[in-house]
Amino acid sequence: MTDQERIAKLEEENALLRRKVESLEQWAMKIGPILNRLQDVAKDQNSPYANLFSGLRNLNGRKS
């Protein structure tokens, strides 16, 4: 495989990964508000799930 072929393959993989990241970011924007509401409900009801929802929200807010 030539250098140009390797570069082309890496560029294709990079484009695929970029699309996957964009898709995950869009998912995070949709699910984030839902998790926030669930966390608020769990806190209001003193639910043992409040910590779980808090952890999920923190994961949702992470950026690389």
C-alpha atoms as a PDB file:
ATOM      1  CA  MET A   1       0.000   0.000   0.000  1.00  0.00           C
ATOM      2  CA  THR A   2       1.416   3.368  -0.980  1.00  0.00           C
ATOM      3  CA  ASP A   3       1.589   6.364   1.307  1.00  0.00           C
ATOM      4  CA  GLN A   4      -1.174   8.046  -0.673  1.00  0.00           C
ATOM      5  CA  GLU A   5      -3.410   4.998  -0.281  1.00  0.00           C
ATOM      6  CA  ARG A   6      -2.757   4.948   3.466  1.00  0.00           C
ATOM      7  CA  ILE A   7      -3.507   8.657   3.696  1.00  0.00           C
ATOM      8  CA  ALA A   8      -6.750   8.200   1.748  1.00  0.00           C
ATOM      9  CA  LYS A   9      -7.788   5.332   4.018  1.00  0.00           C
ATOM     10  CA  LEU A  10      -7.011   7.373   7.139  1.00  0.00           C
ATOM     11  CA  GLU A  11      -8.980  10.316   5.753  1.00  0.00           C
ATOM     12  CA  GLU A  12     -11.974   8.034   5.163  1.00  0.00           C
ATOM     13  CA  GLU A  13     -11.721   6.663   8.704  1.00  0.00           C
ATOM     14  CA  ASN A  14     -11.407  10.199  10.061  1.00  0.00           C
ATOM     15  CA  ALA A  15     -14.530  11.293   8.176  1.00  0.00           C
ATOM     16  CA  LEU A  16     -16.447   8.290   9.523  1.00  0.00           C
ATOM     17  CA  LEU A  17     -15.343   9.029  13.086  1.00  0.00           C
ATOM     18  CA  ARG A  18     -16.251  12.696  12.673  1.00  0.00           C
ATOM     19  CA  ARG A  19     -19.779  11.708  11.580  1.00  0.00           C
ATOM     20  CA  LYS A  20     -20.088   9.373  14.570  1.00  0.00           C
ATOM     21  CA  VAL A  21     -18.989  12.145  16.944  1.00  0.00           C
ATOM     22  CA  GLU A  22     -21.493  14.556  15.396  1.00  0.00           C
ATOM     23  CA  SER A  23     -24.229  11.963  15.790  1.00  0.00           C
ATOM     24  CA  LEU A  24     -23.331  11.398  19.446  1.00  0.00           C
ATOM     25  CA  GLU A  25     -23.273  15.153  20.087  1.00  0.00           C
ATOM     26  CA  GLN A  26     -26.750  15.484  18.581  1.00  0.00           C
ATOM     27  CA  TRP A  27     -27.954  12.597  20.745  1.00  0.00           C
ATOM     28  CA  ALA A  28     -26.456  14.253  23.823  1.00  0.00           C
ATOM     29  CA  MET A  29     -28.281  17.505  23.045  1.00  0.00           C
ATOM     30  CA  LYS A  30     -31.571  15.595  22.824  1.00  0.00           C
ATOM     31  CA  ILE A  31     -31.088  13.403  25.882  1.00  0.00           C
ATOM     32  CA  GLY A  32     -29.524  16.070  28.120  1.00  0.00           C
ATOM     33  CA  PRO A  33     -32.745  17.960  28.889  1.00  0.00           C
ATOM     34  CA  ILE A  34     -34.572  14.679  29.482  1.00  0.00           C
ATOM     35  CA  LEU A  35     -31.936  13.578  31.979  1.00  0.00           C
ATOM     36  CA  ASN A  36     -32.137  16.950  33.699  1.00  0.00           C
ATOM     37  CA  ARG A  37     -35.889  16.561  34.139  1.00  0.00           C
ATOM     38  CA  LEU A  38     -35.521  12.997  35.400  1.00  0.00           C
ATOM     39  CA  GLN A  39     -32.918  14.127  37.894  1.00  0.00           C
ATOM     40  CA  ASP A  40     -35.200  16.889  39.161  1.00  0.00           C
ATOM     41  CA  VAL A  41     -38.065  14.413  39.576  1.00  0.00           C
ATOM     42  CA  ALA A  42     -35.815  11.948  41.377  1.00  0.00           C
ATOM     43  CA  LYS A  43     -34.564  14.649  43.742  1.00  0.00           C
ATOM     44  CA  ASP A  44     -38.084  15.867  44.444  1.00  0.00           C
ATOM     45  CA  GLN A  45     -39.145  12.353  45.387  1.00  0.00           C
ATOM     46  CA  ASN A  46     -35.950  11.623  47.373  1.00  0.00           C
ATOM     47  CA  SER A  47     -35.409   8.710  45.049  1.00  0.00           C
ATOM     48  CA  PRO A  48     -32.292   6.520  45.273  1.00  0.00           C
ATOM     49  CA  TYR A  49     -31.979   7.120  41.530  1.00  0.00           C
ATOM     50  CA  ALA A  50     -31.044  10.779  41.971  1.00  0.00           C
ATOM     51  CA  ASN A  51     -27.333   9.939  42.045  1.00  0.00           C
ATOM     52  CA  LEU A  52     -27.652   7.793  38.935  1.00  0.00           C
ATOM     53  CA  PHE A  53     -29.311  10.600  36.996  1.00  0.00           C
ATOM     54  CA  SER A  54     -26.694  13.046  38.258  1.00  0.00           C
ATOM     55  CA  GLY A  55     -23.922  10.792  36.989  1.00  0.00           C
ATOM     56  CA  LEU A  56     -25.592  10.388  33.611  1.00  0.00           C
ATOM     57  CA  ARG A  57     -25.998  14.145  33.294  1.00  0.00           C
ATOM     58  CA  ASN A  58     -22.322  14.630  34.097  1.00  0.00           C
ATOM     59  CA  LEU A  59     -21.367  12.128  31.403  1.00  0.00           C
ATOM     60  CA  ASN A  60     -23.656  13.884  28.960  1.00  0.00           C
ATOM     61  CA  GLY A  61     -21.938  17.213  29.604  1.00  0.00           C
ATOM     62  CA  ARG A  62     -18.400  15.954  28.956  1.00  0.00           C
ATOM     63  CA  LYS A  63     -16.531  17.293  25.968  1.00  0.00           C
ATOM     64  CA  SER A  64     -13.286  15.844  24.656  1.00  0.00           C
END
